[in-house]
């Protein structure tokens, strides 16, 4: 069983930056892939970025050049750094872990608005 707790969401102005953290209840080096997904109102949940246990990152086209995903094995945490945020980035952001099965966090709201 893996528990994931997200933090760092909130209100941010357009063109600002945001740092989302996902703390796992297990050693994350034992987790194959961890990622960030988001779901805007009326839309399906979509991938933002994911990173493997070996540190290989994959980004959605909307995130490329603006987002960086990283793993801190010492803190069992995965970080999503978002820069130059846009109103269309407004969504609930979920942390996901893949370890024999899929685990989800409870989500954190990100609102981009002036």
C-alpha atoms as a PDB file:
ATOM      1  CA  UNK A   1       0.000   0.000   0.000  1.00  0.00           C
ATOM      2  CA  UNK A   2       1.283   3.441  -0.961  1.00  0.00           C
ATOM      3  CA  UNK A   3      -0.153   6.649   0.404  1.00  0.00           C
ATOM      4  CA  UNK A   4       0.488   9.888  -1.439  1.00  0.00           C
ATOM      5  CA  UNK A   5      -0.006  13.362  -0.027  1.00  0.00           C
ATOM      6  CA  UNK A   6       0.156  16.381  -2.318  1.00  0.00           C
ATOM      7  CA  UNK A   7       0.891  19.923  -1.235  1.00  0.00           C
ATOM      8  CA  UNK A   8       1.768  23.255  -2.767  1.00  0.00           C
ATOM      9  CA  UNK A   9      -1.401  24.119  -4.644  1.00  0.00           C
ATOM     10  CA  UNK A  10      -3.173  27.409  -4.408  1.00  0.00           C
ATOM     11  CA  UNK A  11      -3.807  30.622  -6.268  1.00  0.00           C
ATOM     12  CA  UNK A  12      -1.074  31.886  -8.560  1.00  0.00           C
ATOM     13  CA  UNK A  13      -1.018  34.727 -11.029  1.00  0.00           C
ATOM     14  CA  UNK A  14      -0.479  34.138 -14.740  1.00  0.00           C
ATOM     15  CA  UNK A  15       3.191  33.930 -15.680  1.00  0.00           C
ATOM     16  CA  UNK A  16       4.004  33.011 -12.084  1.00  0.00           C
ATOM     17  CA  UNK A  17       5.554  29.836 -10.710  1.00  0.00           C
ATOM     18  CA  UNK A  18       4.306  26.994  -8.577  1.00  0.00           C
ATOM     19  CA  UNK A  19       5.963  24.060  -6.845  1.00  0.00           C
ATOM     20  CA  UNK A  20       3.920  20.969  -6.095  1.00  0.00           C
ATOM     21  CA  UNK A  21       5.174  18.254  -3.759  1.00  0.00           C
ATOM     22  CA  UNK A  22       4.053  14.668  -3.378  1.00  0.00           C
ATOM     23  CA  UNK A  23       5.151  12.800  -0.275  1.00  0.00           C
ATOM     24  CA  UNK A  24       4.996   9.012  -0.403  1.00  0.00           C
ATOM     25  CA  UNK A  25       4.546   6.661   2.527  1.00  0.00           C
ATOM     26  CA  UNK A  26       7.141   4.252   1.158  1.00  0.00           C
ATOM     27  CA  UNK A  27      10.680   4.568  -0.133  1.00  0.00           C
ATOM     28  CA  UNK A  28      10.176   6.007  -3.598  1.00  0.00           C
ATOM     29  CA  UNK A  29      13.129   4.169  -5.082  1.00  0.00           C
ATOM     30  CA  UNK A  30      10.855   1.124  -4.831  1.00  0.00           C
ATOM     31  CA  UNK A  31       8.219   2.834  -6.994  1.00  0.00           C
ATOM     32  CA  UNK A  32       8.562   2.236 -10.714  1.00  0.00           C
ATOM     33  CA  UNK A  33       7.021   5.450 -11.941  1.00  0.00           C
ATOM     34  CA  UNK A  34       5.644   8.525 -10.234  1.00  0.00           C
ATOM     35  CA  UNK A  35       3.799  11.255 -11.980  1.00  0.00           C
ATOM     36  CA  UNK A  36       1.562  14.269 -11.867  1.00  0.00           C
ATOM     37  CA  UNK A  37      -1.825  14.361 -13.536  1.00  0.00           C
ATOM     38  CA  UNK A  38      -4.426  17.070 -13.611  1.00  0.00           C
ATOM     39  CA  UNK A  39      -8.149  17.332 -14.116  1.00  0.00           C
ATOM     40  CA  UNK A  40      -9.900  20.541 -15.053  1.00  0.00           C
ATOM     41  CA  UNK A  41     -13.662  20.961 -14.601  1.00  0.00           C
ATOM     42  CA  UNK A  42     -15.557  19.055 -17.272  1.00  0.00           C
ATOM     43  CA  UNK A  43     -12.399  17.452 -18.651  1.00  0.00           C
ATOM     44  CA  UNK A  44     -10.709  14.096 -18.350  1.00  0.00           C
ATOM     45  CA  UNK A  45      -7.711  13.579 -16.147  1.00  0.00           C
ATOM     46  CA  UNK A  46      -4.515  14.019 -18.143  1.00  0.00           C
ATOM     47  CA  UNK A  47      -0.828  13.434 -17.689  1.00  0.00           C
ATOM     48  CA  UNK A  48       1.365  16.421 -16.910  1.00  0.00           C
ATOM     49  CA  UNK A  49       4.693  14.707 -16.243  1.00  0.00           C
ATOM     50  CA  UNK A  50       6.087  11.441 -14.951  1.00  0.00           C
ATOM     51  CA  UNK A  51       9.463  10.149 -13.859  1.00  0.00           C
ATOM     52  CA  UNK A  52      10.833   6.640 -13.570  1.00  0.00           C
ATOM     53  CA  UNK A  53      12.860   5.194 -10.726  1.00  0.00           C
ATOM     54  CA  UNK A  54      15.877   5.679 -12.963  1.00  0.00           C
ATOM     55  CA  UNK A  55      15.165   9.379 -13.311  1.00  0.00           C
ATOM     56  CA  UNK A  56      13.835   9.375 -16.870  1.00  0.00           C
ATOM     57  CA  UNK A  57      11.187  12.085 -17.235  1.00  0.00           C
ATOM     58  CA  UNK A  58       8.337  12.350 -19.676  1.00  0.00           C
ATOM     59  CA  UNK A  59       6.214  15.453 -20.230  1.00  0.00           C
ATOM     60  CA  UNK A  60       2.935  16.267 -21.872  1.00  0.00           C
ATOM     61  CA  UNK A  61       3.290  18.705 -24.745  1.00  0.00           C
ATOM     62  CA  UNK A  62       1.548  21.371 -22.663  1.00  0.00           C
ATOM     63  CA  UNK A  63       4.187  20.977 -19.954  1.00  0.00           C
ATOM     64  CA  UNK A  64       7.343  20.826 -22.057  1.00  0.00           C
ATOM     65  CA  UNK A  65       9.592  23.796 -21.482  1.00  0.00           C
ATOM     66  CA  UNK A  66       7.553  25.017 -18.515  1.00  0.00           C
ATOM     67  CA  UNK A  67       7.573  22.141 -16.064  1.00  0.00           C
ATOM     68  CA  UNK A  68      10.241  20.062 -14.393  1.00  0.00           C
ATOM     69  CA  UNK A  69       9.583  16.873 -12.472  1.00  0.00           C
ATOM     70  CA  UNK A  70      12.160  15.548 -10.039  1.00  0.00           C
ATOM     71  CA  UNK A  71      12.539  12.906  -7.352  1.00  0.00           C
ATOM     72  CA  UNK A  72      14.092  13.400  -3.933  1.00  0.00           C
ATOM     73  CA  UNK A  73      14.733   9.859  -2.757  1.00  0.00           C
ATOM     74  CA  UNK A  74      16.028  11.031   0.611  1.00  0.00           C
ATOM     75  CA  UNK A  75      12.688  12.715   1.348  1.00  0.00           C
ATOM     76  CA  UNK A  76      10.502  10.218  -0.531  1.00  0.00           C
ATOM     77  CA  UNK A  77       9.099  13.154  -2.455  1.00  0.00           C
ATOM     78  CA  UNK A  78       8.378  13.971  -6.064  1.00  0.00           C
ATOM     79  CA  UNK A  79       8.378  17.621  -7.066  1.00  0.00           C
ATOM     80  CA  UNK A  80       6.667  19.347  -9.966  1.00  0.00           C
ATOM     81  CA  UNK A  81       8.026  22.808 -10.690  1.00  0.00           C
ATOM     82  CA  UNK A  82       5.737  24.825 -12.937  1.00  0.00           C
ATOM     83  CA  UNK A  83       6.834  28.100 -14.498  1.00  0.00           C
ATOM     84  CA  UNK A  84       5.060  30.616 -16.701  1.00  0.00           C
ATOM     85  CA  UNK A  85       1.699  29.260 -15.601  1.00  0.00           C
ATOM     86  CA  UNK A  86      -1.393  30.018 -17.637  1.00  0.00           C
ATOM     87  CA  UNK A  87      -5.106  30.180 -16.771  1.00  0.00           C
ATOM     88  CA  UNK A  88      -5.543  26.905 -18.641  1.00  0.00           C
ATOM     89  CA  UNK A  89      -3.292  25.246 -16.071  1.00  0.00           C
ATOM     90  CA  UNK A  90      -6.127  25.637 -13.572  1.00  0.00           C
ATOM     91  CA  UNK A  91      -7.061  22.154 -12.384  1.00  0.00           C
ATOM     92  CA  UNK A  92      -6.862  19.694  -9.542  1.00  0.00           C
ATOM     93  CA  UNK A  93      -3.411  18.146  -9.643  1.00  0.00           C
ATOM     94  CA  UNK A  94      -2.991  14.543  -8.589  1.00  0.00           C
ATOM     95  CA  UNK A  95       0.107  12.580  -7.729  1.00  0.00           C
ATOM     96  CA  UNK A  96       0.251   9.032  -9.046  1.00  0.00           C
ATOM     97  CA  UNK A  97       2.506   6.121  -8.172  1.00  0.00           C
ATOM     98  CA  UNK A  98       2.893   2.878 -10.063  1.00  0.00           C
ATOM     99  CA  UNK A  99       4.052  -0.006  -7.839  1.00  0.00           C
ATOM    100  CA  UNK A 100       2.382  -3.317  -8.706  1.00  0.00           C
ATOM    101  CA  UNK A 101      -0.786  -1.245  -8.990  1.00  0.00           C
ATOM    102  CA  UNK A 102      -1.735   2.403  -9.373  1.00  0.00           C
ATOM    103  CA  UNK A 103      -2.075   4.718  -6.400  1.00  0.00           C
ATOM    104  CA  UNK A 104      -3.472   8.238  -6.364  1.00  0.00           C
ATOM    105  CA  UNK A 105      -3.214  11.113  -3.950  1.00  0.00           C
ATOM    106  CA  UNK A 106      -6.211  13.165  -2.896  1.00  0.00           C
ATOM    107  CA  UNK A 107      -5.337  16.046  -5.215  1.00  0.00           C
ATOM    108  CA  UNK A 108      -4.444  19.685  -4.732  1.00  0.00           C
ATOM    109  CA  UNK A 109      -6.220  22.600  -6.379  1.00  0.00           C
ATOM    110  CA  UNK A 110      -4.228  24.947  -8.589  1.00  0.00           C
ATOM    111  CA  UNK A 111      -5.928  28.119  -9.743  1.00  0.00           C
ATOM    112  CA  UNK A 112      -4.207  30.484 -12.156  1.00  0.00           C
ATOM    113  CA  UNK A 113      -5.899  33.836 -12.134  1.00  0.00           C
ATOM    114  CA  UNK A 114      -5.140  37.515 -11.767  1.00  0.00           C
END
